[in-house]
């Protein structure tokens, strides 16, 4: 049991939009925006948003103790990151207690493990001495897939490049210029002209208290990261992405005071009358009904 862990359950709804960009490319489809083929609605994976949250925390905390990031692009193998926790737990003879100690060390060190959990593969290797332990650690914060409010239109934009990469490309360039007057190389960008996305999340106080120790400080940092994640994730491919609203449902208890499905139904997003092809956030109306007893609504951004 972690003393500083959160004591309230939460659910939340994120509303964010994209303008002339690709919010989450699908590598199996030429990196085109992800889409539900049956309905035409755009999709953003939970992993995509978790990556942006991790990047923001890594940048904002800049190596501060207790806020390191386990899953990030660096030159350290994941198993090597687990080695310190494993080494510090070897003096404990009981395998269950040794595994729990190593797990707690990892949770204290890495913010994203406290938040989202992780698969700690090194913990399942025989040489670590933790062979009987489970390497899967479930975190208190979980995200569903994001989905656009309306079907999206995916547009391919042709782009040109005048520079030459190598001798082979120069030969093709000269051949193309001689045959059809082509004087540059061609490429493409897949964009969504506009899309408003809704994504829902869950925070379990019970898992925070018994598994990872996710605290109120961690929670405030999570809200900060969600609000600011697009501001520090700019690229030509993503276009203009903005978090429009973060709607939080705070329960009075750890187990919760209302079903999450009922709370999510309180948030209604719809196109305004007369809008055929939405191209801005003001083309939509957002209504949030009154919460049931024992649940507080907090609207940020």
Protein backbone atom coordinates (compact mmCIF):
# COMPACT_ATOMS: atom_id res chain seq x y z
CA UNK A 1 0.00 0.00 0.00
CA UNK A 2 1.43 3.38 -1.04
CA UNK A 3 0.73 6.17 1.47
CA UNK A 4 0.88 9.06 -1.01
CA UNK A 5 -1.25 7.44 -3.73
CA UNK A 6 -4.42 9.13 -4.96
CA UNK A 7 -7.61 8.32 -3.07
CA UNK A 8 -10.21 9.32 -5.68
CA UNK A 9 -11.23 7.60 -8.88
CA UNK A 10 -11.30 9.70 -12.07
CA UNK A 11 -12.53 9.54 -15.62
CA UNK A 12 -11.80 12.19 -18.21
CA UNK A 13 -12.64 13.25 -21.76
CA UNK A 14 -10.18 14.97 -24.08
CA UNK A 15 -11.40 17.00 -27.05
CA UNK A 16 -8.69 17.96 -29.54
CA UNK A 17 -8.65 18.86 -33.20
CA UNK A 18 -6.31 18.75 -36.17
CA UNK A 19 -6.13 21.20 -39.05
CA UNK A 20 -4.31 20.25 -42.26
CA UNK A 21 -2.30 17.51 -40.58
CA UNK A 22 -2.00 13.84 -39.78
CA UNK A 23 -2.83 13.21 -36.11
CA UNK A 24 -1.73 9.54 -36.09
CA UNK A 25 -0.34 7.84 -39.18
CA UNK A 26 -0.86 4.14 -39.88
CA UNK A 27 2.44 2.48 -40.95
CA UNK A 28 0.47 -0.37 -42.53
CA UNK A 29 -1.29 2.10 -44.84
CA UNK A 30 1.57 4.27 -46.08
CA UNK A 31 1.37 6.37 -42.89
CA UNK A 32 -2.02 7.75 -43.89
CA UNK A 33 -4.29 8.97 -41.06
CA UNK A 34 -5.88 6.06 -39.22
CA UNK A 35 -9.50 5.53 -40.13
CA UNK A 36 -12.39 3.21 -39.32
CA UNK A 37 -13.11 1.67 -42.75
CA UNK A 38 -16.77 1.00 -41.94
CA UNK A 39 -17.73 4.49 -40.75
CA UNK A 40 -14.98 6.78 -42.07
CA UNK A 41 -14.27 8.16 -38.59
CA UNK A 42 -10.69 9.03 -37.76
CA UNK A 43 -8.82 7.06 -35.08
CA UNK A 44 -5.98 7.98 -32.74
CA UNK A 45 -4.41 5.18 -30.69
CA UNK A 46 -3.83 5.31 -26.95
CA UNK A 47 -0.11 4.71 -27.58
CA UNK A 48 0.09 7.90 -29.65
CA UNK A 49 -1.21 10.09 -26.82
CA UNK A 50 0.86 8.28 -24.18
CA UNK A 51 3.97 9.05 -26.23
CA UNK A 52 3.16 12.76 -26.21
CA UNK A 53 2.54 12.71 -22.45
CA UNK A 54 5.83 10.93 -21.85
CA UNK A 55 7.69 13.42 -24.04
CA UNK A 56 6.22 16.39 -22.19
CA UNK A 57 7.06 14.99 -18.75
CA UNK A 58 10.59 14.15 -19.90
CA UNK A 59 11.06 17.70 -21.16
CA UNK A 60 9.37 19.45 -18.23
CA UNK A 61 11.11 17.48 -15.46
CA UNK A 62 14.44 17.09 -17.30
CA UNK A 63 15.74 14.14 -15.31
CA UNK A 64 14.35 15.20 -11.92
CA UNK A 65 14.44 12.35 -9.43
CA UNK A 66 11.29 10.25 -9.54
CA UNK A 67 10.21 11.59 -12.94
CA UNK A 68 12.44 9.70 -15.33
CA UNK A 69 10.79 8.02 -18.33
CA UNK A 70 11.13 4.27 -18.87
CA UNK A 71 9.80 4.06 -22.45
CA UNK A 72 11.73 6.64 -24.44
CA UNK A 73 14.09 6.85 -27.38
CA UNK A 74 17.56 6.66 -25.87
CA UNK A 75 20.64 4.49 -25.94
CA UNK A 76 19.81 2.48 -22.82
CA UNK A 77 18.23 -0.97 -23.18
CA UNK A 78 15.05 -1.49 -21.18
CA UNK A 79 16.55 -4.50 -19.43
CA UNK A 80 19.54 -2.40 -18.37
CA UNK A 81 17.14 0.12 -16.83
CA UNK A 82 15.73 -2.69 -14.71
CA UNK A 83 19.16 -3.88 -13.57
CA UNK A 84 19.51 -1.35 -10.75
CA UNK A 85 16.18 -2.37 -9.22
CA UNK A 86 17.05 -6.05 -9.56
CA UNK A 87 20.49 -5.56 -7.99
CA UNK A 88 19.04 -3.62 -5.06
CA UNK A 89 16.59 -6.45 -4.36
CA UNK A 90 18.93 -9.45 -4.48
CA UNK A 91 19.53 -9.52 -0.71
CA UNK A 92 15.86 -10.43 -0.14
CA UNK A 93 15.56 -14.23 -0.07
CA UNK A 94 11.81 -14.61 -0.56
CA UNK A 95 11.07 -14.47 -4.31
CA UNK A 96 7.70 -12.78 -3.91
CA UNK A 97 9.08 -10.07 -1.63
CA UNK A 98 12.14 -9.63 -3.86
CA UNK A 99 9.93 -9.14 -6.91
CA UNK A 100 7.71 -6.66 -5.06
CA UNK A 101 10.75 -4.67 -3.91
CA UNK A 102 12.21 -4.46 -7.42
CA UNK A 103 8.82 -3.43 -8.78
CA UNK A 104 8.46 -0.66 -6.17
CA UNK A 105 11.92 0.69 -7.02
CA UNK A 106 10.96 0.91 -10.69
CA UNK A 107 7.70 2.67 -9.83
CA UNK A 108 9.49 5.24 -7.65
CA UNK A 109 12.03 6.01 -10.38
CA UNK A 110 9.89 6.15 -13.53
CA UNK A 111 6.86 8.40 -13.91
CA UNK A 112 5.41 6.52 -16.87
CA UNK A 113 5.52 3.20 -14.99
CA UNK A 114 3.62 4.77 -12.07
CA UNK A 115 1.13 6.17 -14.56
CA UNK A 116 0.64 3.67 -17.38
CA UNK A 117 2.38 0.56 -16.08
CA UNK A 118 4.89 -1.41 -18.15
CA UNK A 119 6.02 -4.84 -19.29
CA UNK A 120 9.23 -5.41 -17.33
CA UNK A 121 10.82 -8.15 -19.42
CA UNK A 122 14.01 -8.32 -17.34
CA UNK A 123 11.93 -9.34 -14.33
CA UNK A 124 10.98 -12.59 -16.05
CA UNK A 125 14.50 -13.70 -16.90
CA UNK A 126 15.96 -16.56 -14.90
CA UNK A 127 19.30 -14.86 -14.32
CA UNK A 128 17.58 -11.93 -12.58
CA UNK A 129 16.46 -14.20 -9.75
CA UNK A 130 12.86 -13.08 -10.30
CA UNK A 131 11.87 -15.97 -12.57
CA UNK A 132 8.56 -16.59 -10.79
CA UNK A 133 7.43 -12.97 -10.93
CA UNK A 134 5.18 -11.45 -13.54
CA UNK A 135 6.75 -8.86 -15.80
CA UNK A 136 3.42 -7.18 -16.56
CA UNK A 137 2.66 -4.18 -14.38
CA UNK A 138 -0.76 -2.57 -14.90
CA UNK A 139 -0.90 1.18 -14.39
CA UNK A 140 -3.80 3.20 -12.94
CA UNK A 141 -4.13 5.48 -16.00
CA UNK A 142 -5.61 3.88 -19.10
CA UNK A 143 -6.73 5.48 -22.37
CA UNK A 144 -9.25 4.35 -24.94
CA UNK A 145 -8.73 5.00 -28.65
CA UNK A 146 -9.58 8.50 -29.81
CA UNK A 147 -12.30 8.84 -32.44
CA UNK A 148 -13.37 11.78 -34.58
CA UNK A 149 -16.82 13.22 -33.97
CA UNK A 150 -17.63 13.09 -37.68
CA UNK A 151 -16.22 11.04 -40.57
CA UNK A 152 -12.96 12.56 -41.80
CA UNK A 153 -11.80 13.26 -45.33
CA UNK A 154 -8.23 12.18 -46.04
CA UNK A 155 -6.46 14.25 -48.68
CA UNK A 156 -3.17 13.48 -50.44
CA UNK A 157 -1.12 16.60 -51.11
CA UNK A 158 1.59 16.35 -53.76
CA UNK A 159 4.89 18.01 -52.86
CA UNK A 160 8.07 18.57 -54.87
CA UNK A 161 11.78 18.53 -54.05
CA UNK A 162 14.51 20.17 -56.14
CA UNK A 163 17.59 18.72 -54.44
CA UNK A 164 19.24 15.45 -55.49
CA UNK A 165 20.12 12.68 -53.02
CA UNK A 166 22.71 10.65 -54.95
CA UNK A 167 24.14 9.82 -58.39
CA UNK A 168 21.41 7.29 -59.13
CA UNK A 169 18.68 9.84 -58.45
CA UNK A 170 20.57 12.37 -60.61
CA UNK A 171 20.50 9.90 -63.51
CA UNK A 172 16.74 9.36 -63.09
CA UNK A 173 16.26 13.13 -62.76
CA UNK A 174 18.09 13.83 -66.03
CA UNK A 175 16.24 11.05 -67.81
CA UNK A 176 12.87 12.36 -66.63
CA UNK A 177 13.75 15.90 -67.64
CA UNK A 178 14.76 14.76 -71.10
CA UNK A 179 11.61 12.67 -71.63
CA UNK A 180 8.87 14.81 -70.12
CA UNK A 181 10.44 18.02 -68.86
CA UNK A 182 10.33 16.95 -65.23
CA UNK A 183 12.70 19.13 -63.21
CA UNK A 184 12.16 17.89 -59.66
CA UNK A 185 11.25 14.86 -57.60
CA UNK A 186 7.74 14.27 -56.31
CA UNK A 187 6.39 13.20 -52.96
CA UNK A 188 3.15 13.34 -51.01
CA UNK A 189 1.67 14.25 -47.65
CA UNK A 190 -1.54 12.72 -46.31
CA UNK A 191 -3.59 15.16 -44.26
CA UNK A 192 -6.96 15.64 -42.64
CA UNK A 193 -8.28 19.12 -43.60
CA UNK A 194 -10.10 19.24 -40.25
CA UNK A 195 -11.16 16.77 -37.59
CA UNK A 196 -12.37 17.05 -34.00
CA UNK A 197 -11.42 14.01 -31.92
CA UNK A 198 -12.75 12.72 -28.63
CA UNK A 199 -10.69 10.42 -26.41
CA UNK A 200 -11.62 9.04 -23.01
CA UNK A 201 -9.48 7.94 -20.08
CA UNK A 202 -9.74 6.17 -16.74
CA UNK A 203 -7.76 6.53 -13.50
CA UNK A 204 -8.04 3.82 -10.84
CA UNK A 205 -7.26 4.85 -7.27
CA UNK A 206 -7.22 1.20 -6.24
CA UNK A 207 -4.40 0.32 -8.65
CA UNK A 208 -2.54 3.49 -7.68
CA UNK A 209 -2.71 2.53 -3.99
CA UNK A 210 -1.80 -1.14 -4.36
CA UNK A 211 0.45 -1.36 -7.43
CA UNK A 212 2.31 1.79 -8.57
CA UNK A 213 1.89 4.61 -6.02
CA UNK A 214 0.53 7.15 -8.54
CA UNK A 215 0.14 10.29 -6.41
CA UNK A 216 -1.72 13.62 -6.45
CA UNK A 217 1.51 15.27 -7.67
CA UNK A 218 1.63 12.76 -10.52
CA UNK A 219 -2.02 13.47 -11.27
CA UNK A 220 -1.49 17.23 -11.57
CA UNK A 221 1.46 16.60 -13.85
CA UNK A 222 -0.73 14.34 -15.99
CA UNK A 223 -3.32 17.12 -16.43
CA UNK A 224 -0.52 19.58 -17.24
CA UNK A 225 0.95 17.19 -19.81
CA UNK A 226 -2.40 16.57 -21.51
CA UNK A 227 -3.10 20.30 -21.77
CA UNK A 228 0.37 21.14 -23.14
CA UNK A 229 1.32 17.97 -25.08
CA UNK A 230 0.52 19.33 -28.55
CA UNK A 231 2.32 22.62 -27.91
CA UNK A 232 5.65 20.79 -27.73
CA UNK A 233 4.97 18.17 -30.41
CA UNK A 234 4.89 20.31 -33.53
CA UNK A 235 5.89 18.94 -36.91
CA UNK A 236 5.05 19.60 -40.54
CA UNK A 237 3.27 16.24 -40.77
CA UNK A 238 0.94 16.83 -37.80
CA UNK A 239 -0.28 20.23 -38.93
CA UNK A 240 -2.07 22.30 -36.32
CA UNK A 241 -3.21 20.21 -33.34
CA UNK A 242 -4.86 21.81 -30.30
CA UNK A 243 -6.35 20.43 -27.10
CA UNK A 244 -9.69 22.21 -26.92
CA UNK A 245 -11.04 20.91 -23.63
CA UNK A 246 -10.25 18.48 -20.83
CA UNK A 247 -13.34 17.39 -18.89
CA UNK A 248 -12.58 15.54 -15.64
CA UNK A 249 -14.96 13.50 -13.48
CA UNK A 250 -13.70 13.25 -9.90
CA UNK A 251 -15.38 10.67 -7.66
CA UNK A 252 -15.62 11.13 -3.91
CA UNK A 253 -14.38 7.59 -3.28
CA UNK A 254 -11.63 5.28 -4.51
CA UNK A 255 -14.10 2.77 -5.97
CA UNK A 256 -16.24 5.42 -7.65
CA UNK A 257 -19.75 6.82 -7.27
CA UNK A 258 -21.13 6.27 -10.78
CA UNK A 259 -20.45 4.04 -13.81
CA UNK A 260 -17.94 5.52 -16.24
CA UNK A 261 -20.29 4.90 -19.18
CA UNK A 262 -22.96 7.09 -17.59
CA UNK A 263 -20.46 9.88 -16.98
CA UNK A 264 -19.14 9.82 -20.54
CA UNK A 265 -22.71 10.12 -21.80
CA UNK A 266 -22.94 13.48 -20.00
CA UNK A 267 -20.56 14.97 -22.58
CA UNK A 268 -22.40 15.61 -25.84
CA UNK A 269 -20.53 16.99 -28.87
CA UNK A 270 -22.43 17.83 -32.05
CA UNK A 271 -22.20 19.94 -35.18
CA UNK A 272 -24.05 23.23 -35.08
CA UNK A 273 -27.07 23.65 -37.32
CA UNK A 274 -26.22 24.46 -40.90
CA UNK A 275 -22.62 23.22 -40.72
CA UNK A 276 -22.05 20.68 -43.51
CA UNK A 277 -18.24 20.40 -43.57
CA UNK A 278 -16.71 21.43 -40.21
CA UNK A 279 -13.46 23.34 -40.52
CA UNK A 280 -13.04 24.87 -37.05
CA UNK A 281 -13.82 24.11 -33.41
CA UNK A 282 -16.57 26.73 -33.28
CA UNK A 283 -18.51 24.64 -35.83
CA UNK A 284 -19.31 22.32 -32.89
CA UNK A 285 -21.22 22.72 -29.66
CA UNK A 286 -20.15 20.95 -26.45
CA UNK A 287 -22.72 20.29 -23.74
CA UNK A 288 -21.93 18.76 -20.33
CA UNK A 289 -24.94 17.72 -18.24
CA UNK A 290 -25.04 17.80 -14.44
CA UNK A 291 -23.07 15.07 -12.69
CA UNK A 292 -24.72 12.55 -10.34
CA UNK A 293 -24.25 12.74 -6.59
CA UNK A 294 -20.73 11.96 -5.45
CA UNK A 295 -19.08 13.08 -8.70
CA UNK A 296 -17.52 16.48 -9.37
CA UNK A 297 -16.98 17.85 -12.88
CA UNK A 298 -13.79 19.84 -13.52
CA UNK A 299 -13.36 21.54 -16.89
CA UNK A 300 -9.87 22.60 -17.90
CA UNK A 301 -8.50 24.50 -20.92
